Amino acid sequence: MQDYDVVLGVLDDEGLRGWLKGLFDESLRLEEVSRSDISRILRMLEATNAHIAMVEVDEAGLNQALAIIMAISTARPWVTVVAVCRSPHQDILLQCMRAGARDCLTAGTDAAEVRERLRRHQLVRPPSLTAHASTSNLIVVSGADALVDTGFFTQNLAVALAARVRGQRTLAIDAVPRGNGLFYVDARTDFGLENLLANPESLDEKMIDTALDEFRPGLRLLHGGVERAHVSGDRAADLFIALNRLMNVFDVVLINAGGPGQCSWIHHLGIHTRQLILLATPEVHQIQRLRGIANDWKPHLSATTEMSLVLDGYEPTITPTNDEITELTGVGIAARLPMDWRHRLEAMNLGLPMCETASRSTYCRQLETLVDSITGTRLSGSLLDRIKGSVGKRQAGGSQ
C-alpha cells in the first residue's frame, strides 16, 4: 500500500487523459473530473484534498478553461493550477497565467520532467495543508466470492458497532441490495445513494436526518445500489464527493461492497478506507483467490488502511488451518464466525439483527470480539441488553 498525493485532472480529451495516466507513479494518484461543471470540480478538490489541479486548455474551449482556472484560484488559492494543452500557443499561455495558472504543460513533454515539475509544486504547498489528512472513518466489507454473504455480516457488524459506542453516528450502506430492501433487515426506503448523486449539494446533516430514519439508536441505513455501467467520469467524481460528505456527517461509515465485480466503483473510495474487511468461507478455492483480490485492492488504499480477513462458516476441526490460511492469503484473520445456520436463517426471515434474535449464539459472541478490536472497547453485558437499554432510554425521553 502506498502513501501518495492526489492530483486532480480536469479534462475531457481522451488523448490527454491517456497521456497523464502514463505519467503517474507510486507517489502520485490521478483523480479525474470533466470540465462541464465548475461546482463539481470545486467539490472534488475538497473531497480529494488535492493541492494540484491539471486543467485541460484548448482553443475551442478556452473561455471555459479560463473560467475553471479562475474559479479554482479564487475558491482554493492554496491549490496549484497547471494548464495542460496539446500545442503551446503564447497568447493562450499568457491568458492562463493571468487567470491564475502557475505552470503549463504540453502533451508529449518528457514524463520525468513532468513528474519533477509536479514534485516542485508539492514542495511549495502551505505547511498547514501538508499536515492535513482526509477523514478516515470508512470500513469496507468485500467478499472473496459473489456467493459469500457480505450483506448479512455487514448488517450485524453495523448494529454491533452502533450499540457499542454511545453517541456515535453510524451509517451502513448496502451497495449490493436486493431490490428496494436493505440488507436482510425489515427496513425499506425510497431514498438512496442515487438521490445523493443526483443532487450532492443538498447533502448535509439536516437532509440526512430527514431522509434516513434511525434503524437503531445511532444507526441509519442507506440504499447504495448504483448501476456500475454509469459510474465513470463525472458520476464517479460525484460518488467520491458524496461519500466524502457522508463521512463528515457520520462517525463511522460501513459499506457492504459485495463480492469481486459486484461493486466496481468501490475502488474510488479506497483512499478514504480505514479498514478493509475481506469476508470468505474457509474453502480452499476462495482462500487461494484471496491473495490476488487483496493485491488488486492495495494500489487503491492509503498507507494507513488496515486489511483483515473474517472467516464466515468457520469449522475449527476442518482444514485448512488458521496458519495455512494466513500463509496462503497474506492477510491476518480478525474473526472466525460459525455458520450457525438455524439462528442465521431465523434472523434473516424475521428481518432482525442476529444479536437480537440469538444474542448468546457463538456467532454473536465472536462478532462482539471483532467489535472489541475495531473500537478498542470491551462490552459489559450482552449486546442485546445494550441495544434494549438504548431503545428504552430513547423511548422514555420521547414520552416525557
Protein backbone atom coordinates (compact mmCIF):
# COMPACT_ATOMS: atom_id res chain seq x y z
CA MET A 1 0.00 0.00 0.00
CA GLN A 2 1.34 3.40 -0.97
CA ASP A 3 1.18 6.78 0.70
CA TYR A 4 0.53 9.11 -2.23
CA ASP A 5 -0.65 12.62 -3.03
CA VAL A 6 -3.70 13.23 -5.18
CA VAL A 7 -3.62 15.32 -8.35
CA LEU A 8 -6.96 16.33 -9.84
CA GLY A 9 -7.18 16.12 -13.62
CA VAL A 10 -9.85 18.46 -15.05
CA LEU A 11 -10.08 17.28 -18.63
CA ASP A 12 -12.27 15.82 -21.36
CA ASP A 13 -9.82 14.87 -24.12
CA GLU A 14 -9.17 11.10 -24.15
CA GLY A 15 -5.69 11.57 -25.60
CA LEU A 16 -4.65 13.93 -22.81
CA ARG A 17 -6.23 11.63 -20.25
CA GLY A 18 -4.20 8.67 -21.51
CA TRP A 19 -1.00 10.72 -21.56
CA LEU A 20 -1.50 11.95 -18.00
CA LYS A 21 -2.25 8.47 -16.66
CA GLY A 22 1.08 7.29 -18.02
CA LEU A 23 2.93 9.97 -16.06
CA PHE A 24 1.95 8.99 -12.55
CA ASP A 25 4.00 6.72 -10.33
CA GLU A 26 3.56 5.32 -6.82
CA SER A 27 3.86 8.76 -5.19
CA LEU A 28 1.07 10.48 -7.16
CA ARG A 29 -2.53 9.45 -7.80
CA LEU A 30 -4.67 10.94 -10.57
CA GLU A 31 -8.38 11.57 -9.93
CA GLU A 32 -10.42 12.80 -12.87
CA VAL A 33 -13.38 15.10 -13.40
CA SER A 34 -14.66 16.72 -16.60
CA ARG A 35 -14.71 20.44 -17.32
CA SER A 36 -18.50 20.56 -17.59
CA ASP A 37 -19.37 21.71 -14.06
CA ILE A 38 -17.23 24.15 -12.03
CA SER A 39 -19.11 23.43 -8.80
CA ARG A 40 -18.38 19.72 -9.18
CA ILE A 41 -14.69 20.47 -9.75
CA LEU A 42 -14.52 22.51 -6.54
CA ARG A 43 -16.32 19.80 -4.59
CA MET A 44 -13.93 17.22 -5.99
CA LEU A 45 -10.95 19.29 -4.84
CA GLU A 46 -12.46 19.38 -1.37
CA ALA A 47 -13.19 15.66 -1.36
CA THR A 48 -9.77 14.56 -2.60
CA ASN A 49 -7.79 17.17 -0.64
CA ALA A 50 -5.76 17.60 -3.84
CA HIS A 51 -3.36 20.54 -3.93
CA ILE A 52 -2.56 20.31 -7.66
CA ALA A 53 -5.22 20.66 -10.38
CA MET A 54 -4.27 19.98 -14.01
CA VAL A 55 -6.75 21.76 -16.28
CA GLU A 56 -7.12 20.95 -19.97
CA VAL A 57 -6.87 24.05 -22.16
CA ASP A 58 -7.73 24.17 -25.85
CA GLU A 59 -8.60 26.97 -28.24
CA ALA A 60 -12.15 25.80 -28.83
CA GLY A 61 -12.99 25.71 -25.12
CA LEU A 62 -10.66 28.48 -23.98
CA ASN A 63 -13.26 30.58 -22.16
CA GLN A 64 -14.45 27.54 -20.23
CA ALA A 65 -10.89 26.59 -19.29
CA LEU A 66 -10.05 30.12 -18.15
CA ALA A 67 -13.22 30.23 -16.04
CA ILE A 68 -12.21 26.97 -14.36
CA ILE A 69 -8.68 28.20 -13.65
CA MET A 70 -10.01 31.44 -12.23
CA ALA A 71 -12.65 29.66 -10.11
CA ILE A 72 -10.09 27.28 -8.60
CA SER A 73 -7.59 30.06 -7.96
CA THR A 74 -10.27 32.18 -6.25
CA ALA A 75 -12.03 29.48 -4.23
CA ARG A 76 -8.95 27.38 -3.44
CA PRO A 77 -5.95 29.75 -3.55
CA TRP A 78 -3.68 27.11 -1.99
CA VAL A 79 -4.24 24.78 -4.98
CA THR A 80 -1.60 24.91 -7.70
CA VAL A 81 -3.29 25.09 -11.11
CA VAL A 82 -1.36 23.63 -14.02
CA ALA A 83 -2.69 24.23 -17.54
CA VAL A 84 -2.36 21.27 -19.92
CA CYS A 85 -2.58 21.72 -23.69
CA ARG A 86 -1.81 19.79 -26.84
CA SER A 87 0.28 22.52 -28.51
CA PRO A 88 1.82 25.65 -26.96
CA HIS A 89 0.38 28.99 -28.01
CA GLN A 90 1.96 32.09 -26.46
CA ASP A 91 -1.24 34.12 -26.22
CA ILE A 92 -3.20 31.22 -24.68
CA LEU A 93 -0.45 30.53 -22.15
CA LEU A 94 -0.41 34.18 -21.15
CA GLN A 95 -4.17 34.20 -20.60
CA CYS A 96 -3.90 31.05 -18.47
CA MET A 97 -1.26 32.65 -16.27
CA ARG A 98 -3.36 35.80 -15.88
CA ALA A 99 -6.31 33.64 -14.85
CA GLY A 100 -4.26 32.04 -12.09
CA ALA A 101 -2.33 29.09 -13.55
CA ARG A 102 1.17 28.68 -12.11
CA ASP A 103 2.54 26.35 -14.74
CA CYS A 104 1.73 24.98 -18.17
CA LEU A 105 2.47 21.55 -19.62
CA THR A 106 2.37 20.46 -23.24
CA ALA A 107 1.25 16.94 -24.13
CA GLY A 108 4.24 14.83 -25.03
CA THR A 109 6.62 16.50 -22.59
CA ASP A 110 9.11 14.04 -21.14
CA ALA A 111 7.49 12.11 -18.27
CA ALA A 112 10.46 12.51 -15.94
CA GLU A 113 10.43 16.29 -16.46
CA VAL A 114 6.68 16.48 -15.75
CA ARG A 115 7.00 14.46 -12.54
CA GLU A 116 9.87 16.66 -11.40
CA ARG A 117 7.85 19.83 -12.01
CA LEU A 118 4.88 18.41 -10.11
CA ARG A 119 7.13 17.45 -7.20
CA ARG A 120 8.47 21.01 -7.08
CA HIS A 121 4.90 22.27 -6.82
CA GLN A 122 4.34 19.83 -3.96
CA LEU A 123 7.23 21.34 -2.01
CA VAL A 124 5.77 24.85 -2.01
CA ARG A 125 2.33 24.00 -0.61
CA PRO A 126 1.43 25.61 2.74
CA PRO A 127 2.59 23.61 5.81
CA SER A 128 -0.96 23.54 7.23
CA LEU A 129 -2.14 21.66 4.15
CA THR A 130 0.80 19.26 4.29
CA ALA A 131 -0.30 18.15 7.74
CA HIS A 132 -3.98 17.95 6.81
CA ALA A 133 -5.37 14.44 6.32
CA SER A 134 -8.66 13.37 4.80
CA THR A 135 -11.32 11.95 7.06
CA SER A 136 -10.68 8.24 7.55
CA ASN A 137 -13.69 6.58 9.15
CA LEU A 138 -14.75 4.26 6.34
CA ILE A 139 -14.99 0.48 6.80
CA VAL A 140 -15.48 -1.56 3.63
CA VAL A 141 -16.59 -5.20 3.57
CA SER A 142 -15.75 -7.13 0.40
CA GLY A 143 -16.29 -10.82 -0.30
CA ALA A 144 -13.83 -13.31 -1.71
CA ASP A 145 -16.60 -14.61 -3.95
CA ALA A 146 -20.01 -13.40 -5.09
CA LEU A 147 -21.52 -16.31 -3.14
CA VAL A 148 -20.17 -15.01 0.18
CA ASP A 149 -22.96 -13.31 2.12
CA THR A 150 -21.38 -9.94 2.84
CA GLY A 151 -24.79 -8.35 3.42
CA PHE A 152 -25.67 -10.44 6.47
CA PHE A 153 -22.27 -9.89 8.05
CA THR A 154 -22.25 -6.13 7.34
CA GLN A 155 -25.69 -5.52 8.81
CA ASN A 156 -24.82 -7.32 12.05
CA LEU A 157 -21.46 -5.59 12.30
CA ALA A 158 -23.15 -2.21 11.82
CA VAL A 159 -25.70 -2.89 14.58
CA ALA A 160 -22.94 -4.07 16.93
CA LEU A 161 -20.75 -1.03 16.21
CA ALA A 162 -23.64 1.39 16.72
CA ALA A 163 -24.59 -0.24 20.02
CA ARG A 164 -21.05 -0.30 21.32
CA VAL A 165 -20.17 3.42 21.37
CA ARG A 166 -22.74 5.75 22.92
CA GLY A 167 -23.43 8.89 20.94
CA GLN A 168 -21.69 7.57 17.82
CA ARG A 169 -23.41 8.20 14.49
CA THR A 170 -23.10 5.16 12.23
CA LEU A 171 -24.17 4.76 8.61
CA ALA A 172 -24.40 1.36 6.89
CA ILE A 173 -24.60 1.41 3.09
CA ASP A 174 -25.82 -1.66 1.22
CA ALA A 175 -24.08 -1.25 -2.13
CA VAL A 176 -25.47 -4.54 -3.49
CA PRO A 177 -29.07 -4.55 -2.20
CA ARG A 178 -31.83 -6.91 -3.23
CA GLY A 179 -34.48 -4.75 -4.91
CA ASN A 180 -35.67 -1.93 -2.65
CA GLY A 181 -34.63 -3.76 0.52
CA LEU A 182 -31.67 -3.03 2.76
CA PHE A 183 -29.53 -5.97 3.80
CA TYR A 184 -31.81 -8.63 5.38
CA VAL A 185 -33.47 -6.33 7.90
CA ASP A 186 -37.08 -5.24 7.86
CA ALA A 187 -36.38 -1.78 6.50
CA ARG A 188 -37.39 -0.13 3.26
CA THR A 189 -36.53 3.24 1.81
CA ASP A 190 -37.32 5.26 -1.29
CA PHE A 191 -34.17 7.31 -0.73
CA GLY A 192 -30.77 6.02 -1.75
CA LEU A 193 -27.31 6.89 -2.92
CA GLU A 194 -28.71 7.59 -6.39
CA ASN A 195 -30.61 10.54 -4.91
CA LEU A 196 -27.41 11.90 -3.41
CA LEU A 197 -25.54 11.60 -6.70
CA ALA A 198 -28.35 13.48 -8.45
CA ASN A 199 -28.01 16.41 -6.04
CA PRO A 200 -24.81 16.17 -3.97
CA GLU A 201 -25.05 19.86 -2.95
CA SER A 202 -28.04 19.04 -0.73
CA LEU A 203 -26.11 16.53 1.38
CA ASP A 204 -25.91 17.83 4.93
CA GLU A 205 -26.94 16.69 8.41
CA LYS A 206 -30.44 18.13 8.15
CA MET A 207 -31.11 16.32 4.88
CA ILE A 208 -29.76 13.03 6.27
CA ASP A 209 -31.88 13.30 9.42
CA THR A 210 -34.95 13.93 7.27
CA ALA A 211 -34.37 11.31 4.58
CA LEU A 212 -32.99 8.41 6.65
CA ASP A 213 -34.78 7.01 9.67
CA GLU A 214 -32.80 5.56 12.55
CA PHE A 215 -32.95 1.79 12.27
CA ARG A 216 -31.49 1.51 15.75
CA PRO A 217 -30.22 4.29 18.07
CA GLY A 218 -27.31 5.95 16.30
CA LEU A 219 -27.61 3.75 13.20
CA ARG A 220 -29.01 4.77 9.82
CA LEU A 221 -29.14 2.64 6.68
CA LEU A 222 -28.71 3.78 3.08
CA HIS A 223 -29.68 2.00 -0.14
CA GLY A 224 -26.45 2.21 -2.14
CA GLY A 225 -27.32 0.38 -5.34
CA VAL A 226 -25.70 2.21 -8.24
CA GLU A 227 -25.57 0.99 -11.84
CA ARG A 228 -21.95 0.01 -12.49
CA ALA A 229 -22.12 0.97 -16.16
CA HIS A 230 -22.96 4.56 -15.21
CA VAL A 231 -20.20 5.07 -12.63
CA SER A 232 -17.47 6.79 -14.58
CA GLY A 233 -16.24 10.29 -15.29
CA ASP A 234 -18.31 12.94 -13.53
CA ARG A 235 -20.56 10.32 -11.96
CA ALA A 236 -17.56 8.68 -10.31
CA ALA A 237 -16.49 12.11 -9.08
CA ASP A 238 -19.95 12.69 -7.60
CA LEU A 239 -19.76 9.31 -5.87
CA PHE A 240 -16.41 10.26 -4.34
CA ILE A 241 -17.77 13.64 -3.24
CA ALA A 242 -20.99 12.21 -1.78
CA LEU A 243 -19.15 9.58 0.26
CA ASN A 244 -16.70 12.20 1.47
CA ARG A 245 -19.56 14.34 2.74
CA LEU A 246 -21.25 11.38 4.40
CA MET A 247 -18.00 10.61 6.20
CA ASN A 248 -18.06 14.13 7.61
CA VAL A 249 -21.65 13.73 8.83
CA PHE A 250 -21.18 10.28 10.43
CA ASP A 251 -18.58 8.98 12.86
CA VAL A 252 -18.43 5.61 11.08
CA VAL A 253 -19.49 4.67 7.54
CA LEU A 254 -19.73 0.96 6.78
CA ILE A 255 -20.18 -0.31 3.21
CA ASN A 256 -21.26 -3.73 2.02
CA ALA A 257 -19.37 -3.87 -1.27
CA GLY A 258 -20.29 -7.46 -2.15
CA GLY A 259 -18.04 -9.87 -3.99
CA PRO A 260 -15.48 -9.21 -6.75
CA GLY A 261 -17.05 -7.38 -9.68
CA GLN A 262 -20.35 -6.71 -7.90
CA CYS A 263 -19.42 -3.17 -6.98
CA SER A 264 -16.66 -1.99 -9.28
CA TRP A 265 -16.93 1.63 -8.20
CA ILE A 266 -15.63 0.82 -4.73
CA HIS A 267 -12.01 1.41 -5.75
CA HIS A 268 -12.83 5.13 -5.91
CA LEU A 269 -13.17 5.09 -2.10
CA GLY A 270 -10.02 3.19 -1.20
CA ILE A 271 -8.04 6.29 -0.30
CA HIS A 272 -10.57 7.01 2.49
CA THR A 273 -10.82 3.44 3.77
CA ARG A 274 -9.74 2.97 7.37
CA GLN A 275 -10.36 -0.76 7.38
CA LEU A 276 -10.94 -3.24 4.58
CA ILE A 277 -12.53 -6.48 5.75
CA LEU A 278 -12.28 -9.40 3.35
CA LEU A 279 -15.03 -11.96 4.04
CA ALA A 280 -14.52 -15.57 2.94
CA THR A 281 -15.64 -19.07 3.75
CA PRO A 282 -12.67 -21.31 4.66
CA GLU A 283 -12.95 -23.13 1.36
CA VAL A 284 -9.70 -23.77 -0.50
CA HIS A 285 -10.60 -22.11 -3.81
CA GLN A 286 -11.78 -18.93 -2.09
CA ILE A 287 -8.72 -18.82 0.13
CA GLN A 288 -6.46 -19.24 -2.90
CA ARG A 289 -8.19 -16.33 -4.67
CA LEU A 290 -7.90 -14.00 -1.71
CA ARG A 291 -4.23 -13.13 -2.20
CA GLY A 292 -4.99 -11.90 -5.72
CA ILE A 293 -8.03 -9.95 -4.50
CA ALA A 294 -6.00 -8.33 -1.74
CA ASN A 295 -3.26 -7.37 -4.20
CA ASP A 296 -5.87 -5.83 -6.54
CA TRP A 297 -7.09 -3.62 -3.71
CA LYS A 298 -3.72 -2.45 -2.42
CA PRO A 299 -2.98 0.18 -5.12
CA HIS A 300 -6.25 1.93 -4.22
CA LEU A 301 -5.66 2.04 -0.45
CA SER A 302 -3.84 4.55 1.71
CA ALA A 303 -0.79 3.61 3.74
CA THR A 304 -2.88 3.62 6.93
CA THR A 305 -5.60 1.25 5.72
CA GLU A 306 -5.88 -1.94 7.77
CA MET A 307 -6.74 -5.07 5.80
CA SER A 308 -8.09 -8.09 7.66
CA LEU A 309 -9.80 -11.40 6.97
CA VAL A 310 -13.03 -12.64 8.53
CA LEU A 311 -13.86 -16.31 8.04
CA ASP A 312 -17.59 -16.98 7.71
CA GLY A 313 -18.88 -20.52 8.19
CA TYR A 314 -15.77 -21.44 10.14
CA GLU A 315 -15.30 -25.01 11.41
CA PRO A 316 -12.30 -25.40 13.74
CA THR A 317 -11.62 -29.08 13.01
CA ILE A 318 -11.56 -28.85 9.22
CA THR A 319 -8.54 -27.94 7.09
CA PRO A 320 -7.06 -25.61 6.05
CA THR A 321 -5.77 -24.48 9.43
CA ASN A 322 -5.62 -20.86 10.55
CA ASP A 323 -1.87 -20.71 9.94
CA GLU A 324 -2.29 -22.17 6.46
CA ILE A 325 -4.99 -19.64 5.62
CA THR A 326 -2.85 -16.73 6.80
CA GLU A 327 0.12 -18.01 4.81
CA LEU A 328 -1.95 -18.52 1.65
CA THR A 329 -3.70 -15.14 1.77
CA GLY A 330 -1.06 -12.94 3.33
CA VAL A 331 -3.84 -11.36 5.42
CA GLY A 332 -4.31 -11.75 9.18
CA ILE A 333 -7.50 -13.36 10.48
CA ALA A 334 -9.59 -10.92 12.54
CA ALA A 335 -12.56 -13.18 13.35
CA ARG A 336 -13.89 -16.71 12.84
CA LEU A 337 -17.68 -16.80 12.58
CA PRO A 338 -19.53 -20.14 12.64
CA MET A 339 -22.28 -20.84 10.12
CA ASP A 340 -24.88 -21.22 12.93
CA TRP A 341 -27.45 -21.73 10.20
CA ARG A 342 -30.50 -22.14 12.42
CA HIS A 343 -30.05 -18.77 14.13
CA ARG A 344 -28.88 -17.13 10.93
CA LEU A 345 -31.92 -18.26 8.95
CA GLU A 346 -34.27 -17.21 11.74
CA ALA A 347 -32.75 -13.72 11.82
CA MET A 348 -32.99 -13.39 8.04
CA ASN A 349 -36.63 -14.47 7.92
CA LEU A 350 -37.63 -12.21 10.82
CA GLY A 351 -35.79 -9.24 9.31
CA LEU A 352 -33.93 -8.61 12.57
CA PRO A 353 -30.25 -8.38 13.53
CA MET A 354 -28.95 -11.70 14.81
CA CYS A 355 -27.80 -10.12 18.07
CA GLU A 356 -31.49 -9.51 18.85
CA THR A 357 -32.74 -12.97 17.95
CA ALA A 358 -29.81 -15.03 19.26
CA SER A 359 -27.59 -12.76 21.35
CA ARG A 360 -25.91 -15.67 23.16
CA SER A 361 -25.07 -17.59 20.00
CA THR A 362 -21.45 -18.34 19.15
CA TYR A 363 -21.78 -16.14 16.05
CA CYS A 364 -22.75 -13.09 18.12
CA ARG A 365 -20.08 -13.72 20.74
CA GLN A 366 -17.41 -13.88 18.04
CA LEU A 367 -18.82 -10.75 16.42
CA GLU A 368 -18.54 -8.91 19.75
CA THR A 369 -14.87 -9.87 19.89
CA LEU A 370 -14.36 -8.39 16.42
CA VAL A 371 -16.05 -5.16 17.53
CA ASP A 372 -13.66 -5.11 20.53
CA SER A 373 -10.70 -4.93 18.16
CA ILE A 374 -12.30 -2.37 15.81
CA THR A 375 -13.44 0.05 18.51
CA GLY A 376 -10.81 -0.61 21.15
CA THR A 377 -13.56 -1.13 23.73
CA ARG A 378 -14.98 -4.08 25.59
CA LEU A 379 -18.67 -4.72 26.10
CA SER A 380 -20.05 -5.22 29.61
CA GLY A 381 -23.22 -7.31 29.49
CA SER A 382 -24.77 -8.71 26.35
CA LEU A 383 -25.05 -6.75 23.14
CA LEU A 384 -28.82 -7.29 23.21
CA ASP A 385 -29.07 -5.70 26.66
CA ARG A 386 -27.08 -2.69 25.39
CA ILE A 387 -29.41 -2.25 22.41
CA LYS A 388 -32.55 -2.64 24.54
CA GLY A 389 -31.18 -0.12 27.01
CA SER A 390 -30.56 2.43 24.26
CA VAL A 391 -34.04 1.91 22.81
CA GLY A 392 -35.64 2.15 26.26
CA LYS A 393 -33.87 5.43 27.08
CA ARG A 394 -34.83 6.95 23.76
CA GLN A 395 -38.48 5.94 24.21
CA ALA A 396 -38.52 7.24 27.78
CA GLY A 397 -37.09 10.55 26.65
CA GLY A 398 -39.71 10.83 23.92
CA SER A 399 -42.59 10.18 26.32
CA GLN A 400 -41.65 12.92 28.75
